[in-house]
Amino acid sequence: MTAMTTTSPGEEDFITIIAPSMAEVMASFAAQGLAERQYAIVHRGGRHSFTLAGGETLFEGATMIAATFARRAGA
């Protein structure tokens, strides 16, 4: 699963990849060609629980690994 935002020129563009393992996160990073598109990891990936603002849990409450990657818009 990948979440993406859109930005104006000069702003950062973020992509967060969520998967059961860091190996799967990095495989998705490679498969999407994010390094070639100038994305770099923002912070180390880690285990997360996901809940929507209304309180609904995602992934049936299972923890997942999430890693966020960023690039400067227009890069």
C-alpha atoms as a PDB file:
ATOM      1  CA  MET A   1       0.000   0.000   0.000  1.00  0.00           C
ATOM      2  CA  THR A   2       1.348   3.419  -0.924  1.00  0.00           C
ATOM      3  CA  ALA A   3       0.006   6.834   0.035  1.00  0.00           C
ATOM      4  CA  MET A   4       1.013   9.841  -2.058  1.00  0.00           C
ATOM      5  CA  THR A   5       0.523  13.590  -1.779  1.00  0.00           C
ATOM      6  CA  THR A   6       0.686  16.252  -4.465  1.00  0.00           C
ATOM      7  CA  THR A   7       2.664  19.442  -3.965  1.00  0.00           C
ATOM      8  CA  SER A   8       3.473  22.794  -5.516  1.00  0.00           C
ATOM      9  CA  PRO A   9       6.928  23.418  -7.025  1.00  0.00           C
ATOM     10  CA  GLY A  10       9.614  23.802  -4.341  1.00  0.00           C
ATOM     11  CA  GLU A  11       7.702  21.771  -1.735  1.00  0.00           C
ATOM     12  CA  GLU A  12       8.512  18.256  -0.623  1.00  0.00           C
ATOM     13  CA  ASP A  13       6.570  15.325  -2.030  1.00  0.00           C
ATOM     14  CA  PHE A  14       6.042  12.360   0.335  1.00  0.00           C
ATOM     15  CA  ILE A  15       5.264   8.709  -0.257  1.00  0.00           C
ATOM     16  CA  THR A  16       4.607   6.339   2.648  1.00  0.00           C
ATOM     17  CA  ILE A  17       4.830   2.627   1.961  1.00  0.00           C
ATOM     18  CA  ILE A  18       3.083   0.255   4.386  1.00  0.00           C
ATOM     19  CA  ALA A  19       3.748  -3.493   4.397  1.00  0.00           C
ATOM     20  CA  PRO A  20       4.093  -6.415   6.827  1.00  0.00           C
ATOM     21  CA  SER A  21       7.924  -6.277   6.692  1.00  0.00           C
ATOM     22  CA  MET A  22      10.720  -3.822   5.904  1.00  0.00           C
ATOM     23  CA  ALA A  23      11.871  -6.164   3.127  1.00  0.00           C
ATOM     24  CA  GLU A  24       8.472  -5.733   1.456  1.00  0.00           C
ATOM     25  CA  VAL A  25       8.597  -1.949   1.927  1.00  0.00           C
ATOM     26  CA  MET A  26      11.994  -1.806   0.236  1.00  0.00           C
ATOM     27  CA  ALA A  27      10.919  -4.187  -2.546  1.00  0.00           C
ATOM     28  CA  SER A  28       8.009  -1.827  -3.265  1.00  0.00           C
ATOM     29  CA  PHE A  29      10.385   1.173  -3.171  1.00  0.00           C
ATOM     30  CA  ALA A  30      12.538  -0.538  -5.809  1.00  0.00           C
ATOM     31  CA  ALA A  31       9.591  -1.756  -7.905  1.00  0.00           C
ATOM     32  CA  GLN A  32       8.163   1.770  -8.074  1.00  0.00           C
ATOM     33  CA  GLY A  33      11.542   3.190  -9.157  1.00  0.00           C
ATOM     34  CA  LEU A  34      11.534   5.707  -6.320  1.00  0.00           C
ATOM     35  CA  ALA A  35      15.338   5.990  -6.093  1.00  0.00           C
ATOM     36  CA  GLU A  36      15.470   6.887  -9.783  1.00  0.00           C
ATOM     37  CA  ARG A  37      12.770   9.496  -9.102  1.00  0.00           C
ATOM     38  CA  GLN A  38      15.019  11.056  -6.408  1.00  0.00           C
ATOM     39  CA  TYR A  39      13.109   9.844  -3.313  1.00  0.00           C
ATOM     40  CA  ALA A  40      15.050   9.223  -0.097  1.00  0.00           C
ATOM     41  CA  ILE A  41      13.881   7.798   3.216  1.00  0.00           C
ATOM     42  CA  VAL A  42      12.862  10.498   5.709  1.00  0.00           C
ATOM     43  CA  HIS A  43      13.423   8.480   8.888  1.00  0.00           C
ATOM     44  CA  ARG A  44      13.965   4.845   9.696  1.00  0.00           C
ATOM     45  CA  GLY A  45      10.984   2.591   9.021  1.00  0.00           C
ATOM     46  CA  GLY A  46       9.179   1.194  12.004  1.00  0.00           C
ATOM     47  CA  ARG A  47       6.240  -0.745  13.328  1.00  0.00           C
ATOM     48  CA  HIS A  48       2.977   1.221  13.420  1.00  0.00           C
ATOM     49  CA  SER A  49      -0.654   0.699  14.341  1.00  0.00           C
ATOM     50  CA  PHE A  50      -3.058   2.561  12.054  1.00  0.00           C
ATOM     51  CA  THR A  51      -6.311   4.187  13.157  1.00  0.00           C
ATOM     52  CA  LEU A  52      -8.535   6.571  11.200  1.00  0.00           C
ATOM     53  CA  ALA A  53      -9.530   9.838  12.865  1.00  0.00           C
ATOM     54  CA  GLY A  54     -12.984   8.390  13.624  1.00  0.00           C
ATOM     55  CA  GLY A  55     -11.413   5.532  15.593  1.00  0.00           C
ATOM     56  CA  GLU A  56     -11.631   2.750  12.984  1.00  0.00           C
ATOM     57  CA  THR A  57      -8.512   0.561  12.985  1.00  0.00           C
ATOM     58  CA  LEU A  58      -6.887  -0.414   9.711  1.00  0.00           C
ATOM     59  CA  PHE A  59      -5.349  -3.759   8.773  1.00  0.00           C
ATOM     60  CA  GLU A  60      -7.655  -5.492  11.286  1.00  0.00           C
ATOM     61  CA  GLY A  61      -5.577  -3.967  14.084  1.00  0.00           C
ATOM     62  CA  ALA A  62      -2.366  -5.682  12.971  1.00  0.00           C
ATOM     63  CA  THR A  63       0.828  -3.657  13.247  1.00  0.00           C
ATOM     64  CA  MET A  64       2.586  -2.961   9.970  1.00  0.00           C
ATOM     65  CA  ILE A  65       5.936  -1.523   8.951  1.00  0.00           C
ATOM     66  CA  ALA A  66       5.726   2.001   7.519  1.00  0.00           C
ATOM     67  CA  ALA A  67       8.479   4.037   5.912  1.00  0.00           C
ATOM     68  CA  THR A  68       8.133   7.521   4.469  1.00  0.00           C
ATOM     69  CA  PHE A  69      10.191   8.735   1.529  1.00  0.00           C
ATOM     70  CA  ALA A  70      10.459  12.337   0.286  1.00  0.00           C
ATOM     71  CA  ARG A  71      11.804  14.381  -2.587  1.00  0.00           C
ATOM     72  CA  ARG A  72      11.736  18.034  -3.495  1.00  0.00           C
ATOM     73  CA  ALA A  73       8.927  18.722  -5.959  1.00  0.00           C
ATOM     74  CA  GLY A  74      10.308  19.206  -9.445  1.00  0.00           C
ATOM     75  CA  ALA A  75      13.337  17.026  -8.640  1.00  0.00           C
END
